Amino acid sequence: SYYVYMKTIKRRINITAGPDLESALLHLARRDHIPMTTKAEELLRLGLELEEDIALGTLAEYRLGKKVTYVSHQSAWK
């Protein structure tokens, strides 16, 4: 038989999950009526956003601790 394989922009990754994690993921996917892989991608994306927020917060705290000269909004846009 002849199969046509569709190219996808998504890259496949393999993750090994323990029984507890798999069970929780399956429960959430069923609750949201979506495939388990879609739920895993959603949660991975959320985790990456949280990591980014932590990094940006750390950078902001570092910058607030430095001695700086502030420029008014009007001066900045002249």
N, C-alpha and C. Protein backbone atom coordinates (compact mmCIF):
# COMPACT_ATOMS: atom_id res chain seq x y z
N SER A 1 0.83 -1.19 0.00
CA SER A 1 0.00 0.00 0.00
C SER A 1 0.87 1.24 0.00
N TYR A 2 0.30 2.35 -0.40
CA TYR A 2 1.02 3.60 -0.56
C TYR A 2 0.61 4.58 0.53
N TYR A 3 1.57 5.13 1.25
CA TYR A 3 1.29 6.09 2.31
C TYR A 3 1.91 7.43 1.94
N VAL A 4 1.18 8.49 2.22
CA VAL A 4 1.70 9.84 2.03
C VAL A 4 1.95 10.40 3.42
N TYR A 5 3.19 10.79 3.67
CA TYR A 5 3.53 11.34 4.97
C TYR A 5 3.50 12.85 4.90
N MET A 6 2.73 13.45 5.79
CA MET A 6 2.61 14.90 5.84
C MET A 6 3.77 15.45 6.66
N LYS A 7 4.40 16.50 6.14
CA LYS A 7 5.42 17.18 6.93
C LYS A 7 4.74 18.04 7.96
N THR A 8 5.38 18.22 9.08
CA THR A 8 4.83 19.04 10.15
C THR A 8 5.89 20.03 10.61
N ILE A 9 5.44 21.16 11.11
CA ILE A 9 6.39 22.14 11.64
C ILE A 9 6.78 21.80 13.07
N LYS A 10 6.03 20.91 13.69
CA LYS A 10 6.34 20.50 15.06
C LYS A 10 7.39 19.40 15.05
N ARG A 11 8.31 19.50 15.97
CA ARG A 11 9.34 18.48 16.09
C ARG A 11 8.93 17.51 17.19
N ARG A 12 9.09 16.25 16.94
CA ARG A 12 8.72 15.22 17.91
C ARG A 12 9.84 15.04 18.92
N ILE A 13 9.47 15.00 20.21
CA ILE A 13 10.43 14.70 21.27
C ILE A 13 9.88 13.55 22.10
N ASN A 14 10.75 12.79 22.69
CA ASN A 14 10.34 11.67 23.54
C ASN A 14 10.62 12.01 24.99
N ILE A 15 9.63 11.80 25.83
CA ILE A 15 9.76 12.06 27.26
C ILE A 15 9.31 10.81 28.00
N THR A 16 10.10 10.37 28.95
CA THR A 16 9.72 9.24 29.77
C THR A 16 9.08 9.77 31.04
N ALA A 17 7.85 9.33 31.29
CA ALA A 17 7.10 9.79 32.46
C ALA A 17 6.80 8.60 33.36
N GLY A 18 6.93 8.85 34.65
CA GLY A 18 6.57 7.81 35.62
C GLY A 18 5.05 7.64 35.68
N PRO A 19 4.60 6.60 36.35
CA PRO A 19 3.17 6.32 36.41
C PRO A 19 2.33 7.45 37.00
N ASP A 20 2.84 8.12 38.03
CA ASP A 20 2.09 9.21 38.65
C ASP A 20 1.91 10.38 37.69
N LEU A 21 2.99 10.73 36.99
CA LEU A 21 2.92 11.83 36.03
C LEU A 21 2.01 11.48 34.86
N GLU A 22 2.13 10.27 34.37
CA GLU A 22 1.28 9.83 33.26
C GLU A 22 -0.20 9.84 33.66
N SER A 23 -0.48 9.40 34.86
CA SER A 23 -1.86 9.38 35.34
C SER A 23 -2.43 10.79 35.45
N ALA A 24 -1.64 11.70 36.01
CA ALA A 24 -2.09 13.09 36.15
C ALA A 24 -2.30 13.73 34.78
N LEU A 25 -1.39 13.49 33.86
CA LEU A 25 -1.49 14.03 32.51
C LEU A 25 -2.72 13.49 31.80
N LEU A 26 -2.96 12.21 31.93
CA LEU A 26 -4.14 11.59 31.32
C LEU A 26 -5.42 12.17 31.90
N HIS A 27 -5.45 12.36 33.21
CA HIS A 27 -6.63 12.93 33.88
C HIS A 27 -6.91 14.34 33.36
N LEU A 28 -5.87 15.17 33.28
CA LEU A 28 -6.05 16.55 32.80
C LEU A 28 -6.48 16.59 31.33
N ALA A 29 -5.92 15.71 30.53
CA ALA A 29 -6.27 15.66 29.11
C ALA A 29 -7.73 15.25 28.93
N ARG A 30 -8.16 14.27 29.68
CA ARG A 30 -9.57 13.84 29.60
C ARG A 30 -10.49 14.95 30.08
N ARG A 31 -10.11 15.62 31.17
CA ARG A 31 -10.91 16.72 31.69
C ARG A 31 -11.11 17.80 30.65
N ASP A 32 -10.04 18.11 29.90
CA ASP A 32 -10.09 19.18 28.91
C ASP A 32 -10.50 18.70 27.52
N HIS A 33 -10.78 17.40 27.40
CA HIS A 33 -11.22 16.81 26.12
C HIS A 33 -10.21 17.06 25.01
N ILE A 34 -8.93 16.85 25.31
CA ILE A 34 -7.87 17.01 24.32
C ILE A 34 -6.92 15.81 24.41
N PRO A 35 -6.15 15.57 23.36
CA PRO A 35 -5.19 14.46 23.42
C PRO A 35 -4.13 14.70 24.50
N MET A 36 -3.61 13.61 25.03
CA MET A 36 -2.62 13.71 26.10
C MET A 36 -1.38 14.46 25.61
N THR A 37 -0.98 14.25 24.36
CA THR A 37 0.20 14.95 23.84
C THR A 37 -0.03 16.45 23.76
N THR A 38 -1.25 16.86 23.43
CA THR A 38 -1.59 18.28 23.38
C THR A 38 -1.51 18.88 24.77
N LYS A 39 -2.01 18.16 25.77
CA LYS A 39 -1.95 18.64 27.15
C LYS A 39 -0.51 18.72 27.63
N ALA A 40 0.32 17.74 27.26
CA ALA A 40 1.72 17.76 27.64
C ALA A 40 2.42 18.98 27.04
N GLU A 41 2.13 19.28 25.77
CA GLU A 41 2.73 20.45 25.13
C GLU A 41 2.27 21.74 25.81
N GLU A 42 0.99 21.80 26.15
CA GLU A 42 0.44 22.99 26.83
C GLU A 42 1.13 23.22 28.17
N LEU A 43 1.31 22.16 28.93
CA LEU A 43 1.94 22.27 30.25
C LEU A 43 3.44 22.58 30.13
N LEU A 44 4.08 22.03 29.12
CA LEU A 44 5.49 22.33 28.88
C LEU A 44 5.66 23.80 28.52
N ARG A 45 4.78 24.31 27.67
CA ARG A 45 4.82 25.73 27.29
C ARG A 45 4.62 26.62 28.52
N LEU A 46 3.66 26.26 29.37
CA LEU A 46 3.40 27.02 30.60
C LEU A 46 4.62 27.02 31.51
N GLY A 47 5.27 25.87 31.64
CA GLY A 47 6.47 25.77 32.47
C GLY A 47 7.59 26.65 31.93
N LEU A 48 7.75 26.69 30.61
CA LEU A 48 8.78 27.54 30.01
C LEU A 48 8.47 29.02 30.22
N GLU A 49 7.18 29.38 30.16
CA GLU A 49 6.80 30.78 30.42
C GLU A 49 7.10 31.16 31.86
N LEU A 50 6.86 30.24 32.79
CA LEU A 50 7.17 30.51 34.19
C LEU A 50 8.68 30.68 34.39
N GLU A 51 9.48 29.85 33.74
CA GLU A 51 10.93 29.98 33.83
C GLU A 51 11.38 31.34 33.28
N GLU A 52 10.77 31.77 32.18
CA GLU A 52 11.10 33.07 31.60
C GLU A 52 10.73 34.20 32.56
N ASP A 53 9.57 34.09 33.19
CA ASP A 53 9.14 35.11 34.16
C ASP A 53 10.12 35.20 35.34
N ILE A 54 10.60 34.06 35.79
CA ILE A 54 11.57 34.05 36.90
C ILE A 54 12.86 34.73 36.47
N ALA A 55 13.33 34.41 35.27
CA ALA A 55 14.58 35.01 34.78
C ALA A 55 14.42 36.53 34.60
N LEU A 56 13.31 36.96 34.05
CA LEU A 56 13.08 38.40 33.86
C LEU A 56 12.92 39.11 35.20
N GLY A 57 12.30 38.46 36.16
CA GLY A 57 12.16 39.03 37.51
C GLY A 57 13.52 39.20 38.18
N THR A 58 14.38 38.20 38.02
CA THR A 58 15.73 38.27 38.57
C THR A 58 16.51 39.42 37.94
N LEU A 59 16.38 39.57 36.63
CA LEU A 59 17.05 40.66 35.92
C LEU A 59 16.52 42.01 36.40
N ALA A 60 15.21 42.13 36.58
CA ALA A 60 14.61 43.38 37.05
C ALA A 60 15.10 43.73 38.45
N GLU A 61 15.17 42.74 39.34
CA GLU A 61 15.68 42.98 40.69
C GLU A 61 17.13 43.45 40.64
N TYR A 62 17.93 42.85 39.80
CA TYR A 62 19.33 43.24 39.65
C TYR A 62 19.42 44.70 39.19
N ARG A 63 18.62 45.05 38.20
CA ARG A 63 18.66 46.41 37.67
C ARG A 63 18.15 47.43 38.69
N LEU A 64 17.16 47.05 39.50
CA LEU A 64 16.66 47.96 40.52
C LEU A 64 17.70 48.22 41.60
N GLY A 65 18.60 47.28 41.81
CA GLY A 65 19.63 47.43 42.83
C GLY A 65 20.78 48.31 42.41
N LYS A 66 20.86 48.64 41.14
CA LYS A 66 21.95 49.48 40.64
C LYS A 66 21.60 50.95 40.79
N LYS A 67 22.63 51.77 40.92
CA LYS A 67 22.43 53.22 40.98
C LYS A 67 22.23 53.70 39.54
N VAL A 68 21.08 54.30 39.29
CA VAL A 68 20.74 54.71 37.93
C VAL A 68 20.24 56.15 37.90
N THR A 69 20.27 56.70 36.73
CA THR A 69 19.70 58.03 36.51
C THR A 69 18.42 57.83 35.72
N TYR A 70 17.33 58.35 36.22
CA TYR A 70 16.05 58.20 35.54
C TYR A 70 15.83 59.34 34.58
N VAL A 71 15.19 59.03 33.46
CA VAL A 71 14.88 60.02 32.44
C VAL A 71 13.36 60.11 32.36
N SER A 72 12.84 61.33 32.31
CA SER A 72 11.39 61.50 32.23
C SER A 72 10.88 61.01 30.89
N HIS A 73 9.61 60.70 30.85
CA HIS A 73 8.97 60.22 29.62
C HIS A 73 9.11 61.27 28.51
N GLN A 74 8.88 62.52 28.86
CA GLN A 74 8.98 63.59 27.85
C GLN A 74 10.38 63.71 27.30
N SER A 75 11.38 63.63 28.15
CA SER A 75 12.77 63.73 27.69
C SER A 75 13.14 62.54 26.79
N ALA A 76 12.66 61.39 27.13
CA ALA A 76 13.00 60.19 26.36
C ALA A 76 12.46 60.24 24.96
N TRP A 77 11.32 60.88 24.75
CA TRP A 77 10.67 60.91 23.43
C TRP A 77 10.97 62.17 22.62
N LYS A 78 11.88 62.99 23.09
CA LYS A 78 12.26 64.20 22.33
C LYS A 78 13.22 63.87 21.23
